[in-house]
C-alpha atoms as a PDB file:
ATOM      1  CA  MET A   1    -215.430 100.314  -9.950  1.00  0.00           C
ATOM      2  CA  TRP A   2    -218.819  98.443  -9.044  1.00  0.00           C
ATOM      3  CA  ALA A   3    -221.755 100.503  -9.583  1.00  0.00           C
ATOM      4  CA  ASN A   4    -223.564  98.814  -6.695  1.00  0.00           C
ATOM      5  CA  LEU A   5    -222.843  95.959  -3.794  1.00  0.00           C
ATOM      6  CA  GLU A   6    -225.167  93.369  -5.826  1.00  0.00           C
ATOM      7  CA  GLN A   7    -222.379  93.685  -8.641  1.00  0.00           C
ATOM      8  CA  LYS A   8    -219.877  93.133  -5.957  1.00  0.00           C
ATOM      9  CA  LYS A   9    -221.379  89.896  -4.957  1.00  0.00           C
ATOM     10  CA  LEU A  10    -221.980  88.653  -8.174  1.00  0.00           C
ATOM     11  CA  TYR A  11    -218.644  88.928  -8.657  1.00  0.00           C
ATOM     12  CA  VAL A  12    -217.029  87.262  -5.620  1.00  0.00           C
ATOM     13  CA  LEU A  13    -219.971  84.112  -6.804  1.00  0.00           C
ATOM     14  CA  VAL A  14    -219.016  83.817 -10.072  1.00  0.00           C
ATOM     15  CA  LEU A  15    -215.467  83.989  -8.703  1.00  0.00           C
ATOM     16  CA  SER A  16    -216.470  80.769  -6.275  1.00  0.00           C
ATOM     17  CA  LEU A  17    -217.973  78.956  -8.961  1.00  0.00           C
ATOM     18  CA  THR A  18    -215.033  79.511 -11.501  1.00  0.00           C
ATOM     19  CA  ALA A  19    -212.563  78.521  -8.488  1.00  0.00           C
ATOM     20  CA  PHE A  20    -214.549  75.236  -7.793  1.00  0.00           C
ATOM     21  CA  LEU A  21    -214.975  74.636 -11.503  1.00  0.00           C
ATOM     22  CA  VAL A  22    -210.562  74.672 -11.990  1.00  0.00           C
ATOM     23  CA  LEU A  23    -210.481  72.538  -8.916  1.00  0.00           C
ATOM     24  CA  THR A  24    -212.929  69.770 -10.241  1.00  0.00           C
ATOM     25  CA  ALA A  25    -211.624  70.040 -13.959  1.00  0.00           C
ATOM     26  CA  LEU A  26    -208.058  68.859 -11.948  1.00  0.00           C
ATOM     27  CA  GLY A  27    -209.634  65.772 -11.277  1.00  0.00           C
ATOM     28  CA  GLY A  28    -209.479  62.901  -8.911  1.00  0.00           C
ATOM     29  CA  GLY A  29    -205.667  62.332  -8.800  1.00  0.00           C
ATOM     30  CA  ILE A  30    -205.298  65.795  -7.377  1.00  0.00           C
ATOM     31  CA  PHE A  31    -207.588  64.652  -4.223  1.00  0.00           C
ATOM     32  CA  SER A  32    -205.088  60.869  -4.574  1.00  0.00           C
ATOM     33  CA  GLN A  33    -208.645  59.351  -4.808  1.00  0.00           C
ATOM     34  CA  PRO A  34    -208.976  55.917  -4.752  1.00  0.00           C
ATOM     35  CA  GLY A  35    -210.385  53.623  -7.758  1.00  0.00           C
ATOM     36  CA  ILE A  36    -210.625  53.406 -11.335  1.00  0.00           C
ATOM     37  CA  TRP A  37    -209.850  57.186 -12.692  1.00  0.00           C
ATOM     38  CA  PHE A  38    -213.169  57.239 -15.220  1.00  0.00           C
ATOM     39  CA  ASP A  39    -215.165  56.539 -11.962  1.00  0.00           C
ATOM     40  CA  HIS A  40    -214.330  59.817  -9.910  1.00  0.00           C
ATOM     41  CA  TRP A  41    -217.307  61.802  -9.557  1.00  0.00           C
ATOM     42  CA  GLN A  42    -214.811  64.820 -11.369  1.00  0.00           C
ATOM     43  CA  HIS A  43    -215.207  62.325 -14.633  1.00  0.00           C
ATOM     44  CA  LYS A  44    -218.915  62.382 -13.992  1.00  0.00           C
ATOM     45  CA  ALA A  45    -219.569  65.685 -13.797  1.00  0.00           C
ATOM     46  CA  PHE A  46    -217.918  66.767 -17.461  1.00  0.00           C
ATOM     47  CA  THR A  47    -218.796  64.874 -19.061  1.00  0.00           C
ATOM     48  CA  GLY A  48    -221.620  66.388 -21.067  1.00  0.00           C
ATOM     49  CA  LEU A  49    -218.996  69.206 -21.379  1.00  0.00           C
ATOM     50  CA  CYS A  50    -215.897  67.511 -22.767  1.00  0.00           C
ATOM     51  CA  HIS A  51    -214.227  64.330 -24.882  1.00  0.00           C
ATOM     52  CA  GLN A  52    -212.211  63.687 -21.661  1.00  0.00           C
ATOM     53  CA  ASN A  53    -209.710  61.693 -23.967  1.00  0.00           C
ATOM     54  CA  PRO A  54    -206.804  60.528 -21.993  1.00  0.00           C
ATOM     55  CA  GLN A  55    -204.301  61.194 -24.517  1.00  0.00           C
ATOM     56  CA  ARG A  56    -205.514  65.124 -24.329  1.00  0.00           C
ATOM     57  CA  SER A  57    -205.311  65.435 -20.640  1.00  0.00           C
ATOM     58  CA  PHE A  58    -202.706  66.387 -18.210  1.00  0.00           C
ATOM     59  CA  TRP A  59    -202.435  63.673 -15.878  1.00  0.00           C
ATOM     60  CA  ILE A  60    -202.121  64.039 -11.511  1.00  0.00           C
ATOM     61  CA  ASN A  61    -200.591  61.889  -9.608  1.00  0.00           C
ATOM     62  CA  GLY A  62    -201.224  58.979 -12.182  1.00  0.00           C
ATOM     63  CA  SER A  63    -204.813  60.063 -13.380  1.00  0.00           C
ATOM     64  CA  PRO A  64    -206.182  62.130 -16.273  1.00  0.00           C
ATOM     65  CA  MET A  65    -207.730  65.356 -15.006  1.00  0.00           C
ATOM     66  CA  ALA A  66    -211.168  65.774 -15.545  1.00  0.00           C
ATOM     67  CA  VAL A  67    -211.342  67.438 -18.740  1.00  0.00           C
ATOM     68  CA  CYS A  68    -209.267  67.561 -21.619  1.00  0.00           C
ATOM     69  CA  SER A  69    -205.731  69.987 -21.723  1.00  0.00           C
ATOM     70  CA  ARG A  70    -207.945  72.945 -23.898  1.00  0.00           C
ATOM     71  CA  CYS A  71    -210.714  72.491 -21.811  1.00  0.00           C
ATOM     72  CA  PHE A  72    -208.719  73.398 -18.753  1.00  0.00           C
ATOM     73  CA  GLY A  73    -207.387  75.878 -20.189  1.00  0.00           C
ATOM     74  CA  ILE A  74    -210.069  77.530 -21.188  1.00  0.00           C
ATOM     75  CA  TYR A  75    -211.482  77.148 -17.373  1.00  0.00           C
ATOM     76  CA  SER A  76    -207.981  78.170 -15.567  1.00  0.00           C
ATOM     77  CA  THR A  77    -207.877  81.422 -17.687  1.00  0.00           C
ATOM     78  CA  VAL A  78    -211.403  82.367 -16.868  1.00  0.00           C
ATOM     79  CA  PHE A  79    -211.010  81.720 -13.238  1.00  0.00           C
ATOM     80  CA  ILE A  80    -207.317  83.713 -13.985  1.00  0.00           C
ATOM     81  CA  GLY A  81    -209.338  86.574 -15.786  1.00  0.00           C
ATOM     82  CA  TRP A  82    -212.170  87.010 -13.373  1.00  0.00           C
ATOM     83  CA  LEU A  83    -209.467  86.985 -10.536  1.00  0.00           C
ATOM     84  CA  SER A  84    -207.478  90.223 -12.239  1.00  0.00           C
ATOM     85  CA  PHE A  85    -210.642  91.757 -14.402  1.00  0.00           C
ATOM     86  CA  PRO A  86    -211.293  94.136 -11.553  1.00  0.00           C
ATOM     87  CA  MET A  87    -207.131  95.572 -11.384  1.00  0.00           C
ATOM     88  CA  ILE A  88    -207.471  96.364 -14.885  1.00  0.00           C
ATOM     89  CA  PRO A  89    -210.263  98.850 -15.904  1.00  0.00           C
ATOM     90  CA  LYS A  90    -207.923 100.872 -17.647  1.00  0.00           C
ATOM     91  CA  LEU A  91    -207.025  98.596 -19.592  1.00  0.00           C
ATOM     92  CA  LEU A  92    -210.132  96.807 -20.383  1.00  0.00           C
ATOM     93  CA  GLU A  93    -211.637 100.534 -21.449  1.00  0.00           C
ATOM     94  CA  ARG A  94    -209.399 100.791 -23.785  1.00  0.00           C
ATOM     95  CA  MET A  95    -210.239  97.207 -25.448  1.00  0.00           C
ATOM     96  CA  ASP A  96    -213.947  97.833 -25.642  1.00  0.00           C
ATOM     97  CA  GLY A  97    -214.123  97.894 -29.396  1.00  0.00           C
ATOM     98  CA  TYR A  98    -212.293  94.647 -30.013  1.00  0.00           C
ATOM     99  CA  LYS A  99    -212.962  92.156 -27.404  1.00  0.00           C
ATOM    100  CA  ARG A 100    -216.206  90.606 -29.525  1.00  0.00           C
ATOM    101  CA  TRP A 101    -213.520  90.708 -32.700  1.00  0.00           C
ATOM    102  CA  MET A 102    -210.779  89.107 -30.196  1.00  0.00           C
ATOM    103  CA  LEU A 103    -213.054  86.294 -28.987  1.00  0.00           C
ATOM    104  CA  MET A 104    -214.376  85.667 -32.697  1.00  0.00           C
ATOM    105  CA  GLY A 105    -210.362  85.516 -33.789  1.00  0.00           C
ATOM    106  CA  VAL A 106    -209.519  83.252 -31.245  1.00  0.00           C
ATOM    107  CA  LEU A 107    -212.608  81.008 -32.011  1.00  0.00           C
ATOM    108  CA  LEU A 108    -211.331  80.519 -35.472  1.00  0.00           C
ATOM    109  CA  ILE A 109    -208.271  79.849 -34.742  1.00  0.00           C
ATOM    110  CA  ASN A 110    -209.153  77.579 -32.379  1.00  0.00           C
ATOM    111  CA  PHE A 111    -211.239  75.889 -35.187  1.00  0.00           C
ATOM    112  CA  ILE A 112    -208.224  75.785 -37.811  1.00  0.00           C
ATOM    113  CA  ASP A 113    -206.376  73.801 -34.952  1.00  0.00           C
ATOM    114  CA  VAL A 114    -208.170  71.144 -34.214  1.00  0.00           C
ATOM    115  CA  PHE A 115    -209.624  70.947 -38.100  1.00  0.00           C
ATOM    116  CA  GLY A 116    -205.522  71.196 -39.008  1.00  0.00           C
ATOM    117  CA  ASN A 117    -205.042  68.013 -36.410  1.00  0.00           C
ATOM    118  CA  PHE A 118    -208.038  66.284 -37.600  1.00  0.00           C
ATOM    119  CA  ILE A 119    -206.638  66.013 -41.162  1.00  0.00           C
ATOM    120  CA  GLY A 120    -203.294  65.091 -40.894  1.00  0.00           C
ATOM    121  CA  MET A 121    -201.729  68.638 -41.486  1.00  0.00           C
ATOM    122  CA  TRP A 122    -199.758  69.080 -38.051  1.00  0.00           C
ATOM    123  CA  GLN A 123    -200.125  67.312 -34.734  1.00  0.00           C
ATOM    124  CA  ASN A 124    -200.835  69.773 -31.698  1.00  0.00           C
ATOM    125  CA  THR A 125    -199.653  69.221 -28.091  1.00  0.00           C
ATOM    126  CA  LEU A 126    -201.386  69.167 -24.423  1.00  0.00           C
ATOM    127  CA  VAL A 127    -199.588  72.546 -24.170  1.00  0.00           C
ATOM    128  CA  SER A 128    -200.568  73.806 -27.603  1.00  0.00           C
ATOM    129  CA  ARG A 129    -204.411  72.989 -26.966  1.00  0.00           C
ATOM    130  CA  PHE A 130    -203.867  74.343 -22.863  1.00  0.00           C
ATOM    131  CA  ALA A 131    -202.534  77.864 -24.637  1.00  0.00           C
ATOM    132  CA  LEU A 132    -205.198  78.247 -27.480  1.00  0.00           C
ATOM    133  CA  GLY A 133    -208.123  77.541 -24.695  1.00  0.00           C
ATOM    134  CA  GLY A 134    -206.461  80.039 -22.216  1.00  0.00           C
ATOM    135  CA  LEU A 135    -206.770  82.305 -24.817  1.00  0.00           C
ATOM    136  CA  VAL A 136    -210.355  81.476 -25.591  1.00  0.00           C
ATOM    137  CA  GLY A 137    -211.018  81.707 -21.795  1.00  0.00           C
ATOM    138  CA  LEU A 138    -209.657  85.019 -21.873  1.00  0.00           C
ATOM    139  CA  SER A 139    -211.123  86.187 -24.321  1.00  0.00           C
ATOM    140  CA  ALA A 140    -214.804  85.093 -22.761  1.00  0.00           C
ATOM    141  CA  VAL A 141    -213.838  86.780 -19.614  1.00  0.00           C
ATOM    142  CA  LEU A 142    -213.347  90.175 -21.496  1.00  0.00           C
ATOM    143  CA  VAL A 143    -216.639  89.616 -23.602  1.00  0.00           C
ATOM    144  CA  ILE A 144    -219.063  88.471 -20.508  1.00  0.00           C
ATOM    145  CA  GLY A 145    -217.129  90.251 -17.974  1.00  0.00           C
ATOM    146  CA  TYR A 146    -218.211  93.785 -19.437  1.00  0.00           C
ATOM    147  CA  GLU A 147    -221.870  92.774 -19.695  1.00  0.00           C
ATOM    148  CA  PHE A 148    -221.748  90.749 -16.215  1.00  0.00           C
ATOM    149  CA  ILE A 149    -220.505  94.150 -13.922  1.00  0.00           C
ATOM    150  CA  GLY A 150    -220.796  96.877 -16.306  1.00  0.00           C
ATOM    151  CA  ILE A 151    -217.070  98.028 -15.901  1.00  0.00           C
ATOM    152  CA  ASN A 152    -217.691  99.499 -19.711  1.00  0.00           C
ATOM    153  CA  LYS A 153    -220.869 101.628 -19.100  1.00  0.00           C
ATOM    154  CA  ILE A 154    -218.766 103.593 -15.807  1.00  0.00           C
ATOM    155  CA  ASN A 155    -216.065 106.107 -16.579  1.00  0.00           C
ATOM    156  CA  ILE A 156    -213.451 106.970 -14.381  1.00  0.00           C
ATOM    157  CA  LYS A 157    -215.674 109.986 -13.053  1.00  0.00           C
ATOM    158  CA  GLY A 158    -218.701 107.644 -12.193  1.00  0.00           C
ATOM    159  CA  ILE A 159    -221.272 108.404 -14.320  1.00  0.00           C
ATOM    160  CA  ARG A 160    -222.884 106.348 -16.505  1.00  0.00           C
ATOM    161  CA  TYR A 161    -222.669 106.285 -20.449  1.00  0.00           C
ATOM    162  CA  GLY A 162    -226.038 106.913 -22.251  1.00  0.00           C
ATOM    163  CA  THR A 163    -227.813 107.842 -19.327  1.00  0.00           C
ATOM    164  CA  ASP A 164    -228.008 111.244 -17.383  1.00  0.00           C
ATOM    165  CA  LYS A 165    -227.909 109.441 -13.742  1.00  0.00           C
ATOM    166  CA  SER A 166    -224.663 108.810 -11.623  1.00  0.00           C
ATOM    167  CA  ASN A 167    -223.694 106.459  -9.055  1.00  0.00           C
END
């Protein structure tokens, strides 16, 4: 699947970083850290990335996660998607032409959900936010993963499209 060892190392590095990101997003409650939850280092790490509204976060051991449920959906499914990426190359190859449209559609659905909740048309829940964030994370893996690893440039025989070189 990978054209060279560097791509494999890069894949493992990103997998490790996304696993660390998910563990950090769980917040101090998962580690039973003492003190006020908003003073935990995990919450400080995500200050610029998430609004961290405790009413919109899952709680673990009496502390909210370091991110809201939508952000946790994004981070956790990026990790799961990245983990499963090498196992489903044929499916990903079939989706090649649709991945960017899928990401734009999912982002639009999330925008509509946020806007509809903001103007009072409906009340979204922790689970609905998590699920919609999860769709963003999986779509992002499809778009970024192809470019990052180059899986879409390699066919089953190992010949790169658009070049006359083989692996």
